[in-house]
Amino acid sequence: MIERLLLVALLFALGYLVYAYSKRRQIRHTTELHILRDPVLAHVKSGTPAIIYFTTPQCVPCQTVQRPALAVVERELGVQVVKIDATLDPAAAQRWGVLSVPTTFILDSAGRTRDVNYGVAPLDKLKRQITALNELSA
């Protein structure tokens, strides 16, 4: 029995490490897009943190949970939200490595990716991520 628990713990730890590595790799990749002046970033105002938000019209969690959370963050924290419809711009979704929607990328005021959220990012998580950006720049 203890062997099974150890195996489960090992698999969980391995899964977490793979997730953390892939997230760090994607952040590094999108930072390269910043350097290459990706067309998506043309919509981002410099000097203000931004959230790049990939969605589709058919995404129910996007409409019911993610959009309201992003609206609150935009209104309360002054963060710019750039919405990208992955069905209208599949090339952008591919360049950014978006595999599912909603996916949100948190950009600092210089336009560099600092975090990525796969799936719905709750309001409190988005606020923590933006607050962390403000602490980095202070």
N, C-alpha and C. Protein backbone atom coordinates (compact mmCIF):
# COMPACT_ATOMS: atom_id res chain seq x y z
N MET A 1 0.82 -1.20 0.00
CA MET A 1 0.00 0.00 0.00
C MET A 1 0.86 1.26 0.00
N ILE A 2 1.90 1.29 0.82
CA ILE A 2 2.76 2.46 0.89
C ILE A 2 3.49 2.68 -0.42
N GLU A 3 3.79 1.59 -1.13
CA GLU A 3 4.46 1.71 -2.43
C GLU A 3 3.57 2.44 -3.43
N ARG A 4 2.29 2.14 -3.40
CA ARG A 4 1.35 2.81 -4.30
C ARG A 4 1.26 4.31 -3.99
N LEU A 5 1.22 4.64 -2.72
CA LEU A 5 1.19 6.05 -2.34
C LEU A 5 2.45 6.78 -2.80
N LEU A 6 3.59 6.13 -2.64
CA LEU A 6 4.84 6.72 -3.09
C LEU A 6 4.85 6.89 -4.61
N LEU A 7 4.31 5.92 -5.33
CA LEU A 7 4.23 6.00 -6.77
C LEU A 7 3.32 7.16 -7.20
N VAL A 8 2.18 7.29 -6.54
CA VAL A 8 1.26 8.39 -6.85
C VAL A 8 1.94 9.73 -6.56
N ALA A 9 2.62 9.84 -5.43
CA ALA A 9 3.32 11.08 -5.08
C ALA A 9 4.40 11.39 -6.10
N LEU A 10 5.13 10.39 -6.54
CA LEU A 10 6.18 10.57 -7.53
C LEU A 10 5.58 11.03 -8.86
N LEU A 11 4.49 10.41 -9.29
CA LEU A 11 3.84 10.80 -10.54
C LEU A 11 3.29 12.22 -10.45
N PHE A 12 2.73 12.57 -9.31
CA PHE A 12 2.22 13.93 -9.12
C PHE A 12 3.36 14.94 -9.21
N ALA A 13 4.46 14.65 -8.54
CA ALA A 13 5.61 15.55 -8.56
C ALA A 13 6.18 15.68 -9.98
N LEU A 14 6.26 14.57 -10.68
CA LEU A 14 6.75 14.59 -12.05
C LEU A 14 5.83 15.41 -12.95
N GLY A 15 4.52 15.23 -12.79
CA GLY A 15 3.55 16.01 -13.56
C GLY A 15 3.68 17.50 -13.30
N TYR A 16 3.86 17.86 -12.04
CA TYR A 16 4.02 19.27 -11.69
C TYR A 16 5.28 19.85 -12.32
N LEU A 17 6.37 19.10 -12.28
CA LEU A 17 7.62 19.57 -12.88
C LEU A 17 7.48 19.77 -14.39
N VAL A 18 6.79 18.86 -15.05
CA VAL A 18 6.57 19.00 -16.50
C VAL A 18 5.71 20.24 -16.77
N TYR A 19 4.67 20.45 -15.97
CA TYR A 19 3.80 21.63 -16.12
C TYR A 19 4.61 22.91 -15.91
N ALA A 20 5.39 22.97 -14.85
CA ALA A 20 6.17 24.17 -14.56
C ALA A 20 7.19 24.44 -15.66
N TYR A 21 7.83 23.40 -16.17
CA TYR A 21 8.80 23.57 -17.24
C TYR A 21 8.12 24.09 -18.51
N SER A 22 6.97 23.51 -18.87
CA SER A 22 6.30 23.94 -20.10
C SER A 22 5.79 25.38 -19.96
N LYS A 23 5.34 25.76 -18.79
CA LYS A 23 4.87 27.13 -18.56
C LYS A 23 6.03 28.10 -18.69
N ARG A 24 7.16 27.78 -18.08
CA ARG A 24 8.35 28.64 -18.16
C ARG A 24 8.83 28.76 -19.62
N ARG A 25 8.77 27.65 -20.34
CA ARG A 25 9.18 27.64 -21.75
C ARG A 25 8.26 28.52 -22.60
N GLN A 26 6.96 28.45 -22.33
CA GLN A 26 6.02 29.27 -23.09
C GLN A 26 6.20 30.75 -22.77
N ILE A 27 6.47 31.09 -21.54
CA ILE A 27 6.73 32.48 -21.17
C ILE A 27 7.98 32.98 -21.90
N ARG A 28 9.01 32.16 -21.94
CA ARG A 28 10.23 32.53 -22.66
C ARG A 28 9.94 32.73 -24.15
N HIS A 29 9.13 31.85 -24.73
CA HIS A 29 8.78 31.95 -26.15
C HIS A 29 8.01 33.24 -26.43
N THR A 30 7.04 33.57 -25.60
CA THR A 30 6.26 34.79 -25.85
C THR A 30 7.09 36.04 -25.60
N THR A 31 8.11 35.95 -24.77
CA THR A 31 9.03 37.08 -24.61
C THR A 31 9.79 37.30 -25.91
N GLU A 32 10.12 36.22 -26.61
CA GLU A 32 10.76 36.36 -27.92
C GLU A 32 9.80 37.03 -28.91
N LEU A 33 8.50 36.76 -28.80
CA LEU A 33 7.53 37.43 -29.66
C LEU A 33 7.55 38.94 -29.42
N HIS A 34 7.75 39.33 -28.15
CA HIS A 34 7.85 40.75 -27.82
C HIS A 34 9.04 41.37 -28.55
N ILE A 35 10.15 40.67 -28.54
CA ILE A 35 11.35 41.18 -29.19
C ILE A 35 11.13 41.28 -30.71
N LEU A 36 10.41 40.29 -31.27
CA LEU A 36 10.16 40.26 -32.71
C LEU A 36 8.98 41.14 -33.13
N ARG A 37 8.37 41.83 -32.18
CA ARG A 37 7.24 42.73 -32.45
C ARG A 37 6.07 42.00 -33.10
N ASP A 38 5.56 41.01 -32.40
CA ASP A 38 4.41 40.24 -32.87
C ASP A 38 3.22 41.18 -33.12
N PRO A 39 2.43 40.94 -34.19
CA PRO A 39 1.28 41.82 -34.48
C PRO A 39 0.27 41.93 -33.35
N VAL A 40 0.12 40.90 -32.53
CA VAL A 40 -0.80 40.97 -31.39
C VAL A 40 -0.38 42.09 -30.44
N LEU A 41 0.91 42.27 -30.30
CA LEU A 41 1.42 43.28 -29.37
C LEU A 41 1.24 44.71 -29.87
N ALA A 42 0.87 44.87 -31.14
CA ALA A 42 0.61 46.21 -31.67
C ALA A 42 -0.58 46.85 -30.98
N HIS A 43 -1.46 46.04 -30.40
CA HIS A 43 -2.65 46.54 -29.71
C HIS A 43 -2.36 46.94 -28.26
N VAL A 44 -1.17 46.61 -27.77
CA VAL A 44 -0.83 46.86 -26.37
C VAL A 44 -0.17 48.23 -26.24
N LYS A 45 -0.72 49.05 -25.34
CA LYS A 45 -0.13 50.36 -25.06
C LYS A 45 1.08 50.17 -24.16
N SER A 46 2.18 50.80 -24.49
CA SER A 46 3.37 50.66 -23.65
C SER A 46 3.18 51.45 -22.36
N GLY A 47 3.83 51.00 -21.32
CA GLY A 47 3.76 51.66 -20.03
C GLY A 47 2.61 51.21 -19.15
N THR A 48 1.78 50.30 -19.64
CA THR A 48 0.65 49.79 -18.87
C THR A 48 0.65 48.28 -18.90
N PRO A 49 0.48 47.63 -17.76
CA PRO A 49 0.35 46.16 -17.79
C PRO A 49 -0.84 45.76 -18.64
N ALA A 50 -0.74 44.60 -19.25
CA ALA A 50 -1.80 44.15 -20.15
C ALA A 50 -2.05 42.66 -19.98
N ILE A 51 -3.23 42.26 -20.39
CA ILE A 51 -3.59 40.85 -20.43
C ILE A 51 -4.00 40.54 -21.86
N ILE A 52 -3.30 39.59 -22.47
CA ILE A 52 -3.69 39.10 -23.79
C ILE A 52 -4.61 37.92 -23.53
N TYR A 53 -5.82 38.00 -24.05
CA TYR A 53 -6.89 37.05 -23.73
C TYR A 53 -7.34 36.35 -25.00
N PHE A 54 -7.03 35.06 -25.11
CA PHE A 54 -7.47 34.27 -26.26
C PHE A 54 -8.79 33.58 -25.92
N THR A 55 -9.74 33.71 -26.83
CA THR A 55 -11.09 33.19 -26.63
C THR A 55 -11.68 32.76 -27.96
N THR A 56 -12.88 32.21 -27.92
CA THR A 56 -13.68 31.92 -29.11
C THR A 56 -15.13 32.26 -28.80
N PRO A 57 -15.95 32.49 -29.82
CA PRO A 57 -17.36 32.80 -29.55
C PRO A 57 -18.11 31.65 -28.89
N GLN A 58 -17.68 30.42 -29.10
CA GLN A 58 -18.36 29.25 -28.56
C GLN A 58 -17.94 28.90 -27.13
N CYS A 59 -16.97 29.59 -26.59
CA CYS A 59 -16.42 29.26 -25.27
C CYS A 59 -17.35 29.77 -24.16
N VAL A 60 -18.09 28.86 -23.55
CA VAL A 60 -19.03 29.24 -22.49
C VAL A 60 -18.30 29.73 -21.24
N PRO A 61 -17.25 29.04 -20.75
CA PRO A 61 -16.54 29.58 -19.57
C PRO A 61 -15.93 30.96 -19.83
N CYS A 62 -15.55 31.22 -21.08
CA CYS A 62 -15.02 32.54 -21.42
C CYS A 62 -16.08 33.62 -21.18
N GLN A 63 -17.29 33.34 -21.61
CA GLN A 63 -18.37 34.32 -21.51
C GLN A 63 -18.90 34.46 -20.09
N THR A 64 -18.99 33.35 -19.37
CA THR A 64 -19.64 33.38 -18.06
C THR A 64 -18.71 33.69 -16.90
N VAL A 65 -17.42 33.34 -17.03
CA VAL A 65 -16.49 33.52 -15.91
C VAL A 65 -15.33 34.45 -16.26
N GLN A 66 -14.64 34.14 -17.38
CA GLN A 66 -13.40 34.86 -17.68
C GLN A 66 -13.64 36.32 -18.05
N ARG A 67 -14.59 36.59 -18.93
CA ARG A 67 -14.84 37.99 -19.34
C ARG A 67 -15.24 38.88 -18.17
N PRO A 68 -16.16 38.44 -17.30
CA PRO A 68 -16.48 39.29 -16.15
C PRO A 68 -15.27 39.55 -15.24
N ALA A 69 -14.44 38.54 -15.03
CA ALA A 69 -13.24 38.72 -14.20
C ALA A 69 -12.29 39.72 -14.84
N LEU A 70 -12.10 39.60 -16.15
CA LEU A 70 -11.22 40.54 -16.85
C LEU A 70 -11.78 41.96 -16.83
N ALA A 71 -13.09 42.10 -16.91
CA ALA A 71 -13.70 43.43 -16.86
C ALA A 71 -13.44 44.09 -15.51
N VAL A 72 -13.51 43.32 -14.43
CA VAL A 72 -13.25 43.86 -13.09
C VAL A 72 -11.79 44.28 -12.97
N VAL A 73 -10.87 43.44 -13.44
CA VAL A 73 -9.44 43.76 -13.36
C VAL A 73 -9.14 45.01 -14.19
N GLU A 74 -9.74 45.09 -15.36
CA GLU A 74 -9.52 46.24 -16.22
C GLU A 74 -10.03 47.53 -15.56
N ARG A 75 -11.21 47.45 -14.97
CA ARG A 75 -11.83 48.62 -14.34
C ARG A 75 -11.11 49.01 -13.05
N GLU A 76 -10.82 48.04 -12.18
CA GLU A 76 -10.27 48.35 -10.86
C GLU A 76 -8.78 48.61 -10.86
N LEU A 77 -8.03 47.89 -11.71
CA LEU A 77 -6.57 47.99 -11.67
C LEU A 77 -5.98 48.73 -12.87
N GLY A 78 -6.82 49.14 -13.80
CA GLY A 78 -6.32 49.89 -14.96
C GLY A 78 -5.47 49.08 -15.91
N VAL A 79 -5.70 47.79 -15.93
CA VAL A 79 -4.94 46.90 -16.82
C VAL A 79 -5.63 46.88 -18.18
N GLN A 80 -4.84 46.91 -19.22
CA GLN A 80 -5.39 46.83 -20.57
C GLN A 80 -5.64 45.36 -20.91
N VAL A 81 -6.82 45.05 -21.45
CA VAL A 81 -7.16 43.69 -21.87
C VAL A 81 -7.29 43.68 -23.39
N VAL A 82 -6.49 42.84 -24.02
CA VAL A 82 -6.53 42.68 -25.48
C VAL A 82 -7.15 41.33 -25.77
N LYS A 83 -8.32 41.35 -26.39
CA LYS A 83 -9.06 40.13 -26.69
C LYS A 83 -8.70 39.67 -28.10
N ILE A 84 -8.33 38.40 -28.21
CA ILE A 84 -8.00 37.80 -29.50
C ILE A 84 -8.94 36.62 -29.71
N ASP A 85 -9.72 36.67 -30.78
CA ASP A 85 -10.60 35.55 -31.14
C ASP A 85 -9.75 34.54 -31.90
N ALA A 86 -9.53 33.39 -31.29
CA ALA A 86 -8.67 32.36 -31.88
C ALA A 86 -9.24 31.78 -33.17
N THR A 87 -10.56 31.90 -33.37
CA THR A 87 -11.14 31.41 -34.62
C THR A 87 -10.91 32.39 -35.77
N LEU A 88 -10.81 33.68 -35.45
CA LEU A 88 -10.54 34.68 -36.48
C LEU A 88 -9.05 34.86 -36.75
N ASP A 89 -8.23 34.57 -35.77
CA ASP A 89 -6.78 34.71 -35.92
C ASP A 89 -6.06 33.46 -35.42
N PRO A 90 -6.25 32.33 -36.12
CA PRO A 90 -5.61 31.09 -35.66
C PRO A 90 -4.08 31.16 -35.72
N ALA A 91 -3.54 31.99 -36.61
CA ALA A 91 -2.08 32.12 -36.69
C ALA A 91 -1.53 32.73 -35.40
N ALA A 92 -2.23 33.71 -34.85
CA ALA A 92 -1.79 34.31 -33.59
C ALA A 92 -1.85 33.28 -32.46
N ALA A 93 -2.94 32.52 -32.42
CA ALA A 93 -3.06 31.48 -31.38
C ALA A 93 -1.92 30.48 -31.52
N GLN A 94 -1.56 30.14 -32.72
CA GLN A 94 -0.46 29.19 -32.92
C GLN A 94 0.87 29.80 -32.50
N ARG A 95 1.12 31.05 -32.88
CA ARG A 95 2.38 31.70 -32.50
C ARG A 95 2.53 31.79 -30.98
N TRP A 96 1.41 32.03 -30.30
CA TRP A 96 1.45 32.17 -28.84
C TRP A 96 1.35 30.83 -28.12
N GLY A 97 1.17 29.76 -28.86
CA GLY A 97 1.13 28.43 -28.24
C GLY A 97 -0.17 28.13 -27.52
N VAL A 98 -1.27 28.73 -27.97
CA VAL A 98 -2.56 28.53 -27.33
C VAL A 98 -3.15 27.21 -27.82
N LEU A 99 -3.41 26.31 -26.87
CA LEU A 99 -3.99 25.01 -27.20
C LEU A 99 -5.46 24.92 -26.83
N SER A 100 -5.89 25.76 -25.89
CA SER A 100 -7.29 25.76 -25.46
C SER A 100 -7.66 27.17 -25.01
N VAL A 101 -8.95 27.42 -24.98
CA VAL A 101 -9.44 28.72 -24.52
C VAL A 101 -10.31 28.52 -23.29
N PRO A 102 -10.32 29.47 -22.40
CA PRO A 102 -9.56 30.70 -22.41
C PRO A 102 -8.10 30.48 -22.02
N THR A 103 -7.23 31.26 -22.61
CA THR A 103 -5.83 31.34 -22.21
C THR A 103 -5.50 32.82 -22.07
N THR A 104 -4.89 33.18 -20.96
CA THR A 104 -4.53 34.57 -20.72
C THR A 104 -3.03 34.68 -20.47
N PHE A 105 -2.44 35.71 -21.06
CA PHE A 105 -1.03 36.02 -20.86
C PHE A 105 -0.95 37.33 -20.12
N ILE A 106 -0.19 37.37 -19.03
CA ILE A 106 -0.03 38.57 -18.22
C ILE A 106 1.26 39.26 -18.66
N LEU A 107 1.15 40.49 -19.14
CA LEU A 107 2.30 41.25 -19.62
C LEU A 107 2.60 42.41 -18.68
N ASP A 108 3.89 42.65 -18.45
CA ASP A 108 4.27 43.79 -17.61
C ASP A 108 4.17 45.07 -18.44
N SER A 109 4.51 46.19 -17.83
CA SER A 109 4.35 47.48 -18.51
C SER A 109 5.31 47.65 -19.69
N ALA A 110 6.34 46.81 -19.77
CA ALA A 110 7.27 46.85 -20.90
C ALA A 110 6.82 45.90 -22.02
N GLY A 111 5.72 45.16 -21.79
CA GLY A 111 5.21 44.26 -22.82
C GLY A 111 5.78 42.86 -22.78
N ARG A 112 6.53 42.52 -21.73
CA ARG A 112 7.09 41.17 -21.60
C ARG A 112 6.13 40.27 -20.84
N THR A 113 6.01 39.03 -21.30
CA THR A 113 5.14 38.08 -20.63
C THR A 113 5.72 37.68 -19.29
N ARG A 114 4.90 37.79 -18.25
CA ARG A 114 5.34 37.43 -16.89
C ARG A 114 4.62 36.19 -16.36
N ASP A 115 3.43 35.90 -16.92
CA ASP A 115 2.70 34.72 -16.46
C ASP A 115 1.71 34.31 -17.54
N VAL A 116 1.27 33.06 -17.47
CA VAL A 116 0.28 32.53 -18.41
C VAL A 116 -0.70 31.68 -17.62
N ASN A 117 -1.96 31.75 -18.00
CA ASN A 117 -3.02 30.96 -17.36
C ASN A 117 -3.71 30.13 -18.43
N TYR A 118 -3.70 28.83 -18.24
CA TYR A 118 -4.40 27.92 -19.14
C TYR A 118 -5.77 27.65 -18.53
N GLY A 119 -6.83 27.88 -19.25
CA GLY A 119 -8.16 27.71 -18.70
C GLY A 119 -8.58 28.97 -17.98
N VAL A 120 -9.69 28.89 -17.29
CA VAL A 120 -10.24 30.05 -16.59
C VAL A 120 -9.30 30.49 -15.46
N ALA A 121 -9.00 31.77 -15.44
CA ALA A 121 -8.22 32.36 -14.36
C ALA A 121 -9.18 33.17 -13.50
N PRO A 122 -9.42 32.74 -12.27
CA PRO A 122 -10.37 33.45 -11.41
C PRO A 122 -9.88 34.88 -11.10
N LEU A 123 -10.82 35.71 -10.71
CA LEU A 123 -10.54 37.11 -10.43
C LEU A 123 -9.42 37.29 -9.41
N ASP A 124 -9.45 36.53 -8.32
CA ASP A 124 -8.42 36.70 -7.29
C ASP A 124 -7.04 36.34 -7.82
N LYS A 125 -6.94 35.35 -8.68
CA LYS A 125 -5.65 34.98 -9.26
C LYS A 125 -5.14 36.09 -10.18
N LEU A 126 -6.02 36.64 -11.01
CA LEU A 126 -5.61 37.73 -11.89
C LEU A 126 -5.14 38.93 -11.08
N LYS A 127 -5.85 39.25 -10.01
CA LYS A 127 -5.45 40.38 -9.17
C LYS A 127 -4.08 40.13 -8.54
N ARG A 128 -3.83 38.91 -8.07
CA ARG A 128 -2.52 38.57 -7.49
C ARG A 128 -1.42 38.73 -8.53
N GLN A 129 -1.67 38.28 -9.74
CA GLN A 129 -0.66 38.36 -10.79
C GLN A 129 -0.36 39.82 -11.15
N ILE A 130 -1.38 40.65 -11.24
CA ILE A 130 -1.16 42.07 -11.55
C ILE A 130 -0.47 42.77 -10.39
N THR A 131 -0.84 42.44 -9.17
CA THR A 131 -0.19 43.03 -8.00
C THR A 131 1.28 42.65 -7.97
N ALA A 132 1.59 41.41 -8.33
CA ALA A 132 2.99 40.98 -8.38
C ALA A 132 3.77 41.78 -9.42
N LEU A 133 3.13 42.11 -10.53
CA LEU A 133 3.78 42.96 -11.55
C LEU A 133 4.12 44.32 -10.99
N ASN A 134 3.17 44.90 -10.26
CA ASN A 134 3.39 46.22 -9.68
C ASN A 134 4.50 46.18 -8.65
N GLU A 135 4.63 45.08 -7.91
CA GLU A 135 5.70 44.94 -6.93
C GLU A 135 7.05 44.80 -7.62
N LEU A 136 7.09 44.12 -8.78
CA LEU A 136 8.33 43.97 -9.53
C LEU A 136 8.85 45.32 -10.03
N SER A 137 7.91 46.16 -10.47
CA SER A 137 8.33 47.44 -11.05
C SER A 137 8.63 48.49 -10.00
N ALA A 138 8.23 48.23 -8.75
CA ALA A 138 8.46 49.21 -7.68
C ALA A 138 9.89 49.18 -7.19
